[in-house]
Amino acid sequence: MRNPRIAVWLALVVTLSVGCEDYFTNAGPAGADGSADGEADAGASSVLFNGEGVGAKCTDDDVCRSGLACTSGACAPSGKKAANDACLLSAECEGELQCGFFGFCVVSG
């Protein structure tokens, strides 16, 4: 390579990408909850949004991810999350709350 700075930056990006791979999955890093195989506890925050998304076929709420409910055979936003609950969509939040920039139900405005 002509510019050694580019090679250093490229090596750094590749190293960080490989090292952080486990953080880009729904289950979180292996053993994040203390388990040896990376299977997280159902209450662990690393699996907060684990499950089927909006529009996925379902038969009960357990199939849908947090914030969604099984409605008429499909996962749909529940509208039941309270202030400061984690969210991905404003439709998951109750009343006049909206899903804020940092992913929590907040008062709009």
Protein backbone atom coordinates (compact mmCIF):
# COMPACT_ATOMS: atom_id res chain seq x y z
CA MET A 1 0.00 0.00 0.00
CA ARG A 2 1.20 3.47 -0.76
CA ASN A 3 0.03 5.10 2.44
CA PRO A 4 0.93 3.29 5.69
CA ARG A 5 -1.80 5.19 7.58
CA ILE A 6 -4.47 3.51 5.45
CA ALA A 7 -2.99 0.10 6.26
CA VAL A 8 -3.02 0.86 9.99
CA TRP A 9 -6.63 2.09 9.91
CA LEU A 10 -7.72 -0.89 7.86
CA ALA A 11 -6.06 -3.30 10.29
CA LEU A 12 -7.71 -1.52 13.23
CA VAL A 13 -11.19 -1.66 11.65
CA VAL A 14 -10.84 -5.35 10.79
CA THR A 15 -9.58 -6.19 14.30
CA LEU A 16 -12.41 -4.32 16.01
CA SER A 17 -15.04 -5.78 13.68
CA VAL A 18 -13.96 -9.34 14.37
CA GLY A 19 -13.66 -8.73 18.12
CA CYS A 20 -17.15 -7.21 18.37
CA GLU A 21 -18.98 -9.76 16.22
CA ASP A 22 -20.82 -11.28 19.20
CA TYR A 23 -22.33 -7.88 20.09
CA PHE A 24 -24.17 -7.67 16.76
CA THR A 25 -26.38 -10.70 17.40
CA ASN A 26 -29.63 -10.88 19.36
CA ALA A 27 -28.12 -13.18 21.98
CA GLY A 28 -25.27 -10.83 22.97
CA PRO A 29 -21.71 -11.95 23.67
CA ALA A 30 -21.05 -15.57 24.57
CA GLY A 31 -21.35 -16.01 28.30
CA ALA A 32 -22.62 -12.46 28.92
CA ASP A 33 -25.06 -13.83 31.49
CA GLY A 34 -22.50 -16.13 33.07
CA SER A 35 -23.39 -19.17 30.99
CA ALA A 36 -20.68 -21.07 29.17
CA ASP A 37 -22.51 -21.42 25.87
CA GLY A 38 -23.90 -17.89 25.45
CA GLU A 39 -27.51 -18.94 26.05
CA ALA A 40 -28.84 -15.92 27.90
CA ASP A 41 -31.34 -15.97 30.76
CA ALA A 42 -34.87 -14.97 29.67
CA GLY A 43 -34.68 -11.86 31.87
CA ALA A 44 -31.27 -10.73 30.65
CA SER A 45 -31.15 -7.39 28.85
CA SER A 46 -29.02 -8.88 26.05
CA VAL A 47 -32.12 -10.68 24.72
CA LEU A 48 -34.56 -7.82 25.18
CA PHE A 49 -35.50 -7.73 21.50
CA ASN A 50 -35.10 -11.43 20.77
CA GLY A 51 -38.07 -12.92 18.94
CA GLU A 52 -40.20 -12.37 15.87
CA GLY A 53 -40.69 -8.88 14.46
CA VAL A 54 -43.68 -6.89 13.22
CA GLY A 55 -45.83 -8.86 10.80
CA ALA A 56 -44.40 -12.29 11.66
CA LYS A 57 -46.93 -15.10 12.06
CA CYS A 58 -47.61 -16.11 15.66
CA THR A 59 -49.99 -18.03 17.89
CA ASP A 60 -49.15 -16.36 21.22
CA ASP A 61 -47.16 -13.40 22.59
CA ASP A 62 -44.16 -15.58 23.54
CA VAL A 63 -43.15 -15.81 19.86
CA CYS A 64 -43.01 -12.01 19.37
CA ARG A 65 -40.12 -9.84 20.57
CA SER A 66 -40.47 -7.49 23.53
CA GLY A 67 -42.89 -4.65 22.78
CA LEU A 68 -44.97 -6.69 20.36
CA ALA A 69 -48.11 -8.75 20.93
CA CYS A 70 -49.67 -11.51 18.87
CA THR A 71 -52.75 -9.85 17.33
CA SER A 72 -54.90 -11.69 14.76
CA GLY A 73 -52.10 -14.20 14.13
CA ALA A 74 -49.34 -11.64 13.53
CA CYS A 75 -46.84 -9.81 15.76
CA ALA A 76 -47.86 -6.14 16.14
CA PRO A 77 -46.80 -3.26 18.44
CA SER A 78 -48.52 -3.67 21.81
CA GLY A 79 -48.73 -0.02 22.88
CA LYS A 80 -48.21 -1.14 26.49
CA LYS A 81 -44.64 0.00 27.29
CA ALA A 82 -44.41 2.59 30.07
CA ALA A 83 -42.12 5.61 30.33
CA ASN A 84 -38.42 4.66 30.31
CA ASP A 85 -39.07 1.15 28.99
CA ALA A 86 -36.79 0.06 26.12
CA CYS A 87 -38.38 0.28 22.67
CA LEU A 88 -37.73 0.17 18.94
CA LEU A 89 -41.00 1.70 17.67
CA SER A 90 -43.17 4.50 19.07
CA ALA A 91 -46.22 2.25 18.58
CA GLU A 92 -44.85 0.02 21.37
CA CYS A 93 -45.20 2.87 23.90
CA GLU A 94 -48.44 3.62 25.74
CA GLY A 95 -50.54 6.75 25.41
CA GLU A 96 -48.73 9.87 24.24
CA LEU A 97 -45.25 8.39 24.75
CA GLN A 98 -42.89 7.96 21.82
CA CYS A 99 -39.78 5.87 21.33
CA GLY A 100 -36.99 8.40 21.84
CA PHE A 101 -33.61 8.72 20.15
CA PHE A 102 -31.89 6.45 22.69
CA GLY A 103 -34.52 3.69 22.50
CA PHE A 104 -36.71 4.40 25.52
CA CYS A 105 -40.36 5.42 25.75
CA VAL A 106 -40.40 9.14 26.58
CA VAL A 107 -42.88 12.03 26.67
CA SER A 108 -42.98 13.62 23.23
CA GLY A 109 -41.95 17.20 22.84
